[in-house]
Amino acid sequence: MVYHSSFIDEEGISKACGCPLLPLKSHIRGPAPVSEQDTTDIVDEAITFFRANVFFKNFDIKSSSDKLLIYLTLYINIALKRLEGCRTLAEGTKAIINLGLENVPVPGEAGFPFPSLFSPAQSKKEAELFRNYLKQIREETSGRLLSVAYRPNGTPNKWWSAFSKRKFMNMVLP
């Protein structure tokens, strides 16, 4: 059974490219609304559900928040592949920072992993808003992923690094 997002389409949540711009518990600047620190956000859900959801080849979408969960699951998969050869937390942090500096494509641009999942941007402003949201959520996910992918002593956590070999929804990305 695939784990779905608990965030149901709520009124008052703005959208870009058919994706809700959900609140984040983040100190990183960006367009995402700020969530309270003691609540669960979409990044927490993505990391919590990753090890179960990565085994599925199909993912039925029950809400628009599931689209973001799918995107983050693929991003975590890519990040774990980058962390695969990093033996220390310092090396892993450097690899994740380099991943964060890469160009973030939006729907309608070449390189976007799920072209049919999100609708193309209707304007340049919407495309930039969504790109900035994806950058912010990727940075936040990377920071939280480092805290679970490495033990407190700075060595890799084999219970997370083993999942770097999995293909989510049969997708192979660099």
N, C-alpha and C. Protein backbone atom coordinates (compact mmCIF):
# COMPACT_ATOMS: atom_id res chain seq x y z
N MET A 1 0.83 -1.18 0.00
CA MET A 1 0.00 0.00 0.00
C MET A 1 0.88 1.25 0.00
N VAL A 2 0.65 2.13 -0.94
CA VAL A 2 1.38 3.38 -1.05
C VAL A 2 0.92 4.32 0.06
N TYR A 3 1.84 5.04 0.64
CA TYR A 3 1.50 6.04 1.64
C TYR A 3 1.22 7.37 0.94
N HIS A 4 0.08 7.94 1.23
CA HIS A 4 -0.32 9.21 0.63
C HIS A 4 -0.11 10.35 1.61
N SER A 5 -0.07 11.54 1.07
CA SER A 5 0.08 12.73 1.89
C SER A 5 -1.19 12.97 2.71
N SER A 6 -1.00 13.44 3.91
CA SER A 6 -2.14 13.76 4.77
C SER A 6 -2.68 15.16 4.49
N PHE A 7 -1.98 15.90 3.65
CA PHE A 7 -2.42 17.26 3.30
C PHE A 7 -3.48 17.16 2.21
N ILE A 8 -4.69 17.46 2.58
CA ILE A 8 -5.81 17.43 1.65
C ILE A 8 -5.94 18.82 1.04
N ASP A 9 -6.46 18.88 -0.16
CA ASP A 9 -6.64 20.18 -0.82
C ASP A 9 -7.46 21.11 0.08
N GLU A 10 -6.79 22.10 0.59
CA GLU A 10 -7.45 23.05 1.48
C GLU A 10 -7.58 24.39 0.78
N GLU A 11 -8.61 25.11 1.16
CA GLU A 11 -8.75 26.45 0.64
C GLU A 11 -7.71 27.34 1.32
N GLY A 12 -7.29 28.35 0.64
CA GLY A 12 -6.31 29.26 1.19
C GLY A 12 -4.87 28.89 0.85
N ILE A 13 -4.65 27.69 0.31
CA ILE A 13 -3.31 27.28 -0.11
C ILE A 13 -3.17 27.64 -1.58
N SER A 14 -2.20 28.49 -1.88
CA SER A 14 -2.01 28.87 -3.27
C SER A 14 -1.35 27.73 -4.03
N LYS A 15 -1.50 27.75 -5.34
CA LYS A 15 -0.95 26.71 -6.21
C LYS A 15 -0.15 27.34 -7.33
N ALA A 16 0.77 26.56 -7.84
CA ALA A 16 1.53 26.93 -9.03
C ALA A 16 1.74 25.66 -9.83
N CYS A 17 1.45 25.69 -11.09
CA CYS A 17 1.59 24.53 -11.97
C CYS A 17 0.78 23.33 -11.47
N GLY A 18 -0.34 23.58 -10.83
CA GLY A 18 -1.19 22.51 -10.34
C GLY A 18 -0.69 21.86 -9.07
N CYS A 19 0.30 22.46 -8.42
CA CYS A 19 0.89 21.91 -7.20
C CYS A 19 0.63 22.88 -6.05
N PRO A 20 0.18 22.37 -4.90
CA PRO A 20 -0.02 23.28 -3.77
C PRO A 20 1.31 23.75 -3.20
N LEU A 21 1.39 25.00 -2.84
CA LEU A 21 2.58 25.55 -2.21
C LEU A 21 2.38 25.42 -0.70
N LEU A 22 2.66 24.22 -0.20
CA LEU A 22 2.39 23.88 1.19
C LEU A 22 3.37 24.57 2.14
N PRO A 23 2.93 24.85 3.35
CA PRO A 23 3.82 25.47 4.35
C PRO A 23 4.95 24.53 4.73
N LEU A 24 6.10 25.12 5.06
CA LEU A 24 7.28 24.36 5.47
C LEU A 24 7.80 24.86 6.81
N LYS A 25 8.35 23.93 7.60
CA LYS A 25 9.09 24.31 8.80
C LYS A 25 10.51 24.62 8.33
N SER A 26 10.73 25.82 7.90
CA SER A 26 12.00 26.11 7.24
C SER A 26 12.54 27.47 7.67
N HIS A 27 13.85 27.54 7.74
CA HIS A 27 14.53 28.81 7.95
C HIS A 27 15.07 29.34 6.62
N ILE A 28 14.89 28.56 5.57
CA ILE A 28 15.37 28.92 4.24
C ILE A 28 14.38 29.87 3.60
N ARG A 29 14.90 30.94 3.05
CA ARG A 29 14.03 31.94 2.43
C ARG A 29 13.45 31.42 1.12
N GLY A 30 12.18 31.72 0.92
CA GLY A 30 11.52 31.30 -0.29
C GLY A 30 10.04 31.61 -0.23
N PRO A 31 9.30 31.19 -1.25
CA PRO A 31 7.88 31.52 -1.33
C PRO A 31 6.96 30.67 -0.46
N ALA A 32 7.48 29.61 0.16
CA ALA A 32 6.63 28.74 0.96
C ALA A 32 6.18 29.44 2.24
N PRO A 33 4.90 29.30 2.57
CA PRO A 33 4.44 29.83 3.86
C PRO A 33 5.17 29.11 4.99
N VAL A 34 5.32 29.77 6.12
CA VAL A 34 6.03 29.19 7.26
C VAL A 34 5.03 28.39 8.10
N SER A 35 5.43 27.17 8.44
CA SER A 35 4.63 26.29 9.28
C SER A 35 5.17 26.32 10.70
N GLU A 36 4.33 25.94 11.65
CA GLU A 36 4.78 25.86 13.03
C GLU A 36 5.77 24.71 13.18
N GLN A 37 6.75 24.88 14.06
CA GLN A 37 7.83 23.90 14.21
C GLN A 37 7.36 22.57 14.77
N ASP A 38 6.26 22.54 15.51
CA ASP A 38 5.81 21.29 16.12
C ASP A 38 4.82 20.51 15.26
N THR A 39 4.58 20.96 14.04
CA THR A 39 3.67 20.25 13.14
C THR A 39 4.46 19.49 12.08
N THR A 40 3.81 18.52 11.47
CA THR A 40 4.41 17.75 10.38
C THR A 40 4.17 18.49 9.08
N ASP A 41 5.21 18.61 8.26
CA ASP A 41 5.04 19.22 6.95
C ASP A 41 5.31 18.17 5.87
N ILE A 42 5.21 18.58 4.62
CA ILE A 42 5.35 17.65 3.49
C ILE A 42 6.75 17.04 3.43
N VAL A 43 7.76 17.76 3.86
CA VAL A 43 9.13 17.21 3.86
C VAL A 43 9.24 16.08 4.88
N ASP A 44 8.64 16.28 6.06
CA ASP A 44 8.63 15.21 7.06
C ASP A 44 7.94 13.96 6.51
N GLU A 45 6.81 14.17 5.85
CA GLU A 45 6.08 13.04 5.27
C GLU A 45 6.92 12.34 4.20
N ALA A 46 7.56 13.10 3.34
CA ALA A 46 8.35 12.50 2.26
C ALA A 46 9.49 11.65 2.82
N ILE A 47 10.17 12.15 3.83
CA ILE A 47 11.28 11.39 4.42
C ILE A 47 10.75 10.17 5.18
N THR A 48 9.66 10.35 5.91
CA THR A 48 9.08 9.24 6.66
C THR A 48 8.58 8.13 5.75
N PHE A 49 7.91 8.49 4.66
CA PHE A 49 7.31 7.50 3.78
C PHE A 49 8.26 7.01 2.69
N PHE A 50 9.43 7.61 2.55
CA PHE A 50 10.33 7.30 1.44
C PHE A 50 10.65 5.81 1.36
N ARG A 51 11.08 5.21 2.45
CA ARG A 51 11.55 3.83 2.40
C ARG A 51 10.44 2.85 2.05
N ALA A 52 9.20 3.21 2.27
CA ALA A 52 8.09 2.34 1.86
C ALA A 52 7.66 2.66 0.43
N ASN A 53 7.54 3.94 0.10
CA ASN A 53 7.04 4.34 -1.22
C ASN A 53 8.00 4.07 -2.35
N VAL A 54 9.29 4.00 -2.06
CA VAL A 54 10.27 3.83 -3.13
C VAL A 54 10.13 2.46 -3.80
N PHE A 55 9.48 1.52 -3.17
CA PHE A 55 9.32 0.19 -3.75
C PHE A 55 8.22 0.11 -4.80
N PHE A 56 7.39 1.13 -4.89
CA PHE A 56 6.24 1.07 -5.79
C PHE A 56 6.56 1.57 -7.19
N LYS A 57 5.99 0.88 -8.17
CA LYS A 57 6.17 1.28 -9.56
C LYS A 57 5.03 2.18 -10.02
N ASN A 58 3.92 2.16 -9.30
CA ASN A 58 2.76 3.01 -9.60
C ASN A 58 2.36 3.76 -8.34
N PHE A 59 1.80 4.91 -8.54
CA PHE A 59 1.40 5.75 -7.41
C PHE A 59 0.10 6.44 -7.80
N ASP A 60 -1.01 6.00 -7.24
CA ASP A 60 -2.28 6.64 -7.57
C ASP A 60 -2.40 7.93 -6.75
N ILE A 61 -2.78 8.98 -7.42
CA ILE A 61 -2.83 10.31 -6.80
C ILE A 61 -4.22 10.54 -6.23
N LYS A 62 -4.27 10.79 -4.92
CA LYS A 62 -5.55 11.04 -4.25
C LYS A 62 -5.78 12.52 -4.00
N SER A 63 -4.71 13.31 -3.93
CA SER A 63 -4.83 14.75 -3.76
C SER A 63 -3.65 15.41 -4.46
N SER A 64 -3.75 16.70 -4.67
CA SER A 64 -2.65 17.39 -5.35
C SER A 64 -1.37 17.38 -4.52
N SER A 65 -1.49 17.19 -3.21
CA SER A 65 -0.30 17.10 -2.35
C SER A 65 0.49 15.83 -2.65
N ASP A 66 -0.18 14.80 -3.15
CA ASP A 66 0.52 13.58 -3.53
C ASP A 66 1.51 13.85 -4.67
N LYS A 67 1.21 14.81 -5.52
CA LYS A 67 2.13 15.16 -6.60
C LYS A 67 3.46 15.64 -6.02
N LEU A 68 3.36 16.47 -5.00
CA LEU A 68 4.56 16.99 -4.35
C LEU A 68 5.30 15.87 -3.62
N LEU A 69 4.56 14.94 -3.03
CA LEU A 69 5.16 13.80 -2.35
C LEU A 69 5.92 12.93 -3.35
N ILE A 70 5.36 12.73 -4.53
CA ILE A 70 6.04 11.97 -5.59
C ILE A 70 7.33 12.67 -6.00
N TYR A 71 7.25 13.98 -6.22
CA TYR A 71 8.43 14.76 -6.61
C TYR A 71 9.52 14.64 -5.54
N LEU A 72 9.14 14.80 -4.27
CA LEU A 72 10.12 14.74 -3.19
C LEU A 72 10.70 13.34 -3.03
N THR A 73 9.90 12.30 -3.26
CA THR A 73 10.41 10.93 -3.18
C THR A 73 11.49 10.71 -4.24
N LEU A 74 11.24 11.20 -5.45
CA LEU A 74 12.25 11.08 -6.49
C LEU A 74 13.49 11.91 -6.13
N TYR A 75 13.29 13.10 -5.59
CA TYR A 75 14.43 13.94 -5.20
C TYR A 75 15.26 13.25 -4.11
N ILE A 76 14.62 12.65 -3.12
CA ILE A 76 15.35 11.94 -2.07
C ILE A 76 16.14 10.79 -2.67
N ASN A 77 15.55 10.10 -3.63
CA ASN A 77 16.23 9.00 -4.31
C ASN A 77 17.49 9.50 -5.01
N ILE A 78 17.38 10.63 -5.70
CA ILE A 78 18.55 11.23 -6.38
C ILE A 78 19.60 11.66 -5.36
N ALA A 79 19.15 12.28 -4.27
CA ALA A 79 20.08 12.73 -3.24
C ALA A 79 20.82 11.56 -2.60
N LEU A 80 20.13 10.47 -2.35
CA LEU A 80 20.80 9.29 -1.77
C LEU A 80 21.82 8.71 -2.73
N LYS A 81 21.53 8.77 -4.03
CA LYS A 81 22.52 8.31 -5.02
C LYS A 81 23.78 9.18 -4.95
N ARG A 82 23.60 10.48 -4.77
CA ARG A 82 24.76 11.38 -4.65
C ARG A 82 25.53 11.13 -3.36
N LEU A 83 24.83 10.74 -2.30
CA LEU A 83 25.48 10.50 -1.01
C LEU A 83 26.15 9.12 -0.95
N GLU A 84 25.87 8.28 -1.94
CA GLU A 84 26.33 6.90 -1.93
C GLU A 84 27.84 6.76 -1.71
N GLY A 85 28.63 7.56 -2.35
CA GLY A 85 30.08 7.44 -2.23
C GLY A 85 30.68 8.29 -1.13
N CYS A 86 29.87 9.03 -0.42
CA CYS A 86 30.36 9.94 0.63
C CYS A 86 30.45 9.20 1.96
N ARG A 87 31.64 9.10 2.48
CA ARG A 87 31.87 8.32 3.71
C ARG A 87 31.77 9.16 4.98
N THR A 88 31.73 10.47 4.87
CA THR A 88 31.62 11.33 6.06
C THR A 88 30.49 12.34 5.85
N LEU A 89 30.03 12.89 6.94
CA LEU A 89 28.98 13.90 6.87
C LEU A 89 29.47 15.13 6.10
N ALA A 90 30.74 15.48 6.24
CA ALA A 90 31.28 16.64 5.53
C ALA A 90 31.24 16.42 4.01
N GLU A 91 31.62 15.22 3.57
CA GLU A 91 31.56 14.90 2.14
C GLU A 91 30.11 14.91 1.65
N GLY A 92 29.22 14.35 2.46
CA GLY A 92 27.80 14.31 2.11
C GLY A 92 27.20 15.70 2.01
N THR A 93 27.57 16.56 2.93
CA THR A 93 27.07 17.94 2.90
C THR A 93 27.52 18.64 1.63
N LYS A 94 28.77 18.43 1.24
CA LYS A 94 29.29 19.05 0.02
C LYS A 94 28.53 18.53 -1.21
N ALA A 95 28.27 17.23 -1.25
CA ALA A 95 27.54 16.63 -2.39
C ALA A 95 26.12 17.17 -2.46
N ILE A 96 25.47 17.32 -1.32
CA ILE A 96 24.10 17.82 -1.28
C ILE A 96 24.06 19.30 -1.67
N ILE A 97 25.04 20.07 -1.24
CA ILE A 97 25.08 21.49 -1.62
C ILE A 97 25.25 21.61 -3.14
N ASN A 98 26.12 20.79 -3.72
CA ASN A 98 26.29 20.80 -5.18
C ASN A 98 25.01 20.40 -5.90
N LEU A 99 24.26 19.45 -5.34
CA LEU A 99 22.98 19.06 -5.92
C LEU A 99 21.99 20.23 -5.86
N GLY A 100 22.02 20.96 -4.77
CA GLY A 100 21.14 22.11 -4.61
C GLY A 100 21.46 23.25 -5.55
N LEU A 101 22.69 23.33 -6.00
CA LEU A 101 23.10 24.41 -6.91
C LEU A 101 22.74 24.13 -8.36
N GLU A 102 22.32 22.92 -8.64
CA GLU A 102 21.96 22.58 -10.02
C GLU A 102 20.67 23.29 -10.43
N ASN A 103 20.51 23.44 -11.72
CA ASN A 103 19.31 24.08 -12.26
C ASN A 103 18.08 23.25 -11.92
N VAL A 104 17.00 23.93 -11.52
CA VAL A 104 15.75 23.26 -11.19
C VAL A 104 14.76 23.50 -12.33
N PRO A 105 14.52 22.48 -13.15
CA PRO A 105 13.54 22.67 -14.23
C PRO A 105 12.12 22.64 -13.69
N VAL A 106 11.22 23.33 -14.36
CA VAL A 106 9.81 23.34 -14.00
C VAL A 106 9.01 22.66 -15.12
N PRO A 107 7.75 22.33 -14.86
CA PRO A 107 6.95 21.68 -15.91
C PRO A 107 6.95 22.49 -17.20
N GLY A 108 7.14 21.80 -18.30
CA GLY A 108 7.20 22.46 -19.60
C GLY A 108 8.63 22.66 -20.07
N GLU A 109 9.61 22.50 -19.18
CA GLU A 109 11.02 22.64 -19.55
C GLU A 109 11.65 21.26 -19.67
N ALA A 110 12.69 21.19 -20.49
CA ALA A 110 13.41 19.93 -20.65
C ALA A 110 14.06 19.55 -19.32
N GLY A 111 14.01 18.28 -19.00
CA GLY A 111 14.65 17.81 -17.78
C GLY A 111 13.72 17.69 -16.58
N PHE A 112 12.47 18.15 -16.71
CA PHE A 112 11.54 17.99 -15.60
C PHE A 112 11.13 16.52 -15.55
N PRO A 113 11.25 15.86 -14.38
CA PRO A 113 11.07 14.41 -14.33
C PRO A 113 9.65 13.89 -14.57
N PHE A 114 8.64 14.67 -14.26
CA PHE A 114 7.26 14.21 -14.41
C PHE A 114 6.47 15.21 -15.26
N PRO A 115 6.65 15.23 -16.56
CA PRO A 115 6.00 16.25 -17.38
C PRO A 115 4.48 16.20 -17.35
N SER A 116 3.89 15.03 -17.15
CA SER A 116 2.43 14.94 -17.14
C SER A 116 1.83 15.09 -15.75
N LEU A 117 2.65 15.10 -14.73
CA LEU A 117 2.16 15.18 -13.36
C LEU A 117 1.70 16.59 -12.99
N PHE A 118 2.45 17.58 -13.43
CA PHE A 118 2.13 18.97 -13.15
C PHE A 118 1.76 19.67 -14.45
N SER A 119 0.92 20.67 -14.35
CA SER A 119 0.56 21.43 -15.55
C SER A 119 1.65 22.46 -15.84
N PRO A 120 1.89 22.76 -17.10
CA PRO A 120 2.89 23.77 -17.44
C PRO A 120 2.48 25.14 -16.90
N ALA A 121 3.47 25.95 -16.63
CA ALA A 121 3.21 27.30 -16.10
C ALA A 121 2.47 28.13 -17.14
N GLN A 122 1.53 28.93 -16.68
CA GLN A 122 0.75 29.79 -17.56
C GLN A 122 1.45 31.11 -17.84
N SER A 123 2.43 31.45 -17.00
CA SER A 123 3.17 32.71 -17.18
C SER A 123 4.58 32.55 -16.64
N LYS A 124 5.43 33.50 -16.98
CA LYS A 124 6.80 33.49 -16.47
C LYS A 124 6.80 33.66 -14.96
N LYS A 125 5.87 34.45 -14.44
CA LYS A 125 5.78 34.69 -13.00
C LYS A 125 5.44 33.40 -12.26
N GLU A 126 4.49 32.62 -12.81
CA GLU A 126 4.13 31.34 -12.19
C GLU A 126 5.30 30.36 -12.26
N ALA A 127 6.01 30.34 -13.37
CA ALA A 127 7.16 29.45 -13.52
C ALA A 127 8.24 29.80 -12.50
N GLU A 128 8.52 31.08 -12.32
CA GLU A 128 9.54 31.50 -11.35
C GLU A 128 9.10 31.19 -9.92
N LEU A 129 7.81 31.40 -9.62
CA LEU A 129 7.29 31.08 -8.29
C LEU A 129 7.47 29.60 -8.01
N PHE A 130 7.11 28.75 -8.97
CA PHE A 130 7.23 27.30 -8.77
C PHE A 130 8.69 26.87 -8.69
N ARG A 131 9.55 27.46 -9.52
CA ARG A 131 10.98 27.14 -9.48
C ARG A 131 11.56 27.49 -8.10
N ASN A 132 11.22 28.67 -7.59
CA ASN A 132 11.72 29.08 -6.28
C ASN A 132 11.18 28.20 -5.16
N TYR A 133 9.92 27.77 -5.29
CA TYR A 133 9.35 26.86 -4.29
C TYR A 133 10.08 25.52 -4.33
N LEU A 134 10.32 24.99 -5.53
CA LEU A 134 11.03 23.72 -5.64
C LEU A 134 12.45 23.84 -5.10
N LYS A 135 13.12 24.96 -5.35
CA LYS A 135 14.47 25.16 -4.80
C LYS A 135 14.43 25.14 -3.28
N GLN A 136 13.45 25.87 -2.72
CA GLN A 136 13.34 25.95 -1.27
C GLN A 136 13.04 24.58 -0.67
N ILE A 137 12.12 23.86 -1.26
CA ILE A 137 11.73 22.56 -0.70
C ILE A 137 12.85 21.53 -0.89
N ARG A 138 13.61 21.64 -1.97
CA ARG A 138 14.75 20.74 -2.17
C ARG A 138 15.84 21.01 -1.14
N GLU A 139 16.13 22.28 -0.88
CA GLU A 139 17.14 22.63 0.13
C GLU A 139 16.72 22.13 1.51
N GLU A 140 15.46 22.33 1.84
CA GLU A 140 14.96 21.88 3.14
C GLU A 140 15.01 20.37 3.25
N THR A 141 14.64 19.67 2.20
CA THR A 141 14.67 18.21 2.19
C THR A 141 16.12 17.71 2.32
N SER A 142 17.03 18.35 1.63
CA SER A 142 18.44 17.95 1.70
C SER A 142 18.99 18.07 3.12
N GLY A 143 18.70 19.18 3.77
CA GLY A 143 19.18 19.37 5.14
C GLY A 143 18.64 18.32 6.09
N ARG A 144 17.36 18.03 5.98
CA ARG A 144 16.76 17.03 6.87
C ARG A 144 17.21 15.62 6.51
N LEU A 145 17.46 15.38 5.23
CA LEU A 145 17.92 14.06 4.80
C LEU A 145 19.30 13.75 5.37
N LEU A 146 20.16 14.75 5.43
CA LEU A 146 21.50 14.54 5.99
C LEU A 146 21.41 14.05 7.43
N SER A 147 20.42 14.55 8.17
CA SER A 147 20.32 14.16 9.59
C SER A 147 19.85 12.72 9.76
N VAL A 148 19.23 12.12 8.76
CA VAL A 148 18.84 10.71 8.87
C VAL A 148 19.79 9.80 8.09
N ALA A 149 20.43 10.30 7.05
CA ALA A 149 21.33 9.48 6.24
C ALA A 149 22.69 9.29 6.90
N TYR A 150 23.00 10.12 7.89
CA TYR A 150 24.26 9.99 8.63
C TYR A 150 23.97 9.88 10.11
N ARG A 151 24.77 9.07 10.77
CA ARG A 151 24.64 8.92 12.22
C ARG A 151 25.23 10.15 12.92
N PRO A 152 24.95 10.31 14.21
CA PRO A 152 25.51 11.46 14.94
C PRO A 152 27.04 11.53 14.91
N ASN A 153 27.71 10.38 14.73
CA ASN A 153 29.17 10.40 14.67
C ASN A 153 29.70 10.74 13.27
N GLY A 154 28.80 10.98 12.30
CA GLY A 154 29.22 11.41 10.96
C GLY A 154 29.42 10.29 9.96
N THR A 155 29.13 9.06 10.34
CA THR A 155 29.27 7.94 9.41
C THR A 155 27.92 7.66 8.74
N PRO A 156 27.95 7.09 7.54
CA PRO A 156 26.69 6.81 6.84
C PRO A 156 25.81 5.82 7.60
N ASN A 157 24.51 6.03 7.51
CA ASN A 157 23.54 5.12 8.10
C ASN A 157 23.16 4.11 7.03
N LYS A 158 23.58 2.86 7.20
CA LYS A 158 23.37 1.85 6.16
C LYS A 158 21.89 1.58 5.92
N TRP A 159 21.03 1.88 6.88
CA TRP A 159 19.60 1.65 6.71
C TRP A 159 18.98 2.68 5.78
N TRP A 160 19.71 3.73 5.48
CA TRP A 160 19.26 4.71 4.48
C TRP A 160 20.05 4.57 3.20
N SER A 161 21.36 4.36 3.29
CA SER A 161 22.19 4.29 2.08
C SER A 161 21.82 3.10 1.21
N ALA A 162 21.27 2.05 1.79
CA ALA A 162 20.86 0.88 1.01
C ALA A 162 19.76 1.22 0.00
N PHE A 163 18.99 2.26 0.27
CA PHE A 163 17.89 2.63 -0.61
C PHE A 163 18.34 3.44 -1.82
N SER A 164 19.61 3.76 -1.89
CA SER A 164 20.11 4.52 -3.04
C SER A 164 20.07 3.69 -4.33
N LYS A 165 19.99 2.40 -4.19
CA LYS A 165 19.98 1.51 -5.36
C LYS A 165 18.58 1.28 -5.91
N ARG A 166 17.55 1.71 -5.20
CA ARG A 166 16.17 1.50 -5.63
C ARG A 166 15.80 2.47 -6.75
N LYS A 167 14.91 2.03 -7.63
CA LYS A 167 14.37 2.90 -8.68
C LYS A 167 12.93 3.23 -8.30
N PHE A 168 12.65 4.50 -8.14
CA PHE A 168 11.28 4.91 -7.82
C PHE A 168 10.49 5.04 -9.10
N MET A 169 9.37 4.32 -9.19
CA MET A 169 8.49 4.31 -10.36
C MET A 169 9.26 3.99 -11.63
N ASN A 170 10.28 3.11 -11.51
CA ASN A 170 11.12 2.68 -12.62
C ASN A 170 11.84 3.82 -13.32
N MET A 171 12.11 4.89 -12.60
CA MET A 171 12.80 6.04 -13.21
C MET A 171 14.29 5.97 -12.87
N VAL A 172 15.11 6.18 -13.86
CA VAL A 172 16.54 6.25 -13.68
C VAL A 172 16.98 7.65 -14.10
N LEU A 173 17.46 8.40 -13.15
CA LEU A 173 17.95 9.76 -13.41
C LEU A 173 19.39 9.85 -12.96
N PRO A 174 20.14 10.80 -13.49
CA PRO A 174 21.55 10.92 -13.09
C PRO A 174 21.71 11.32 -11.65
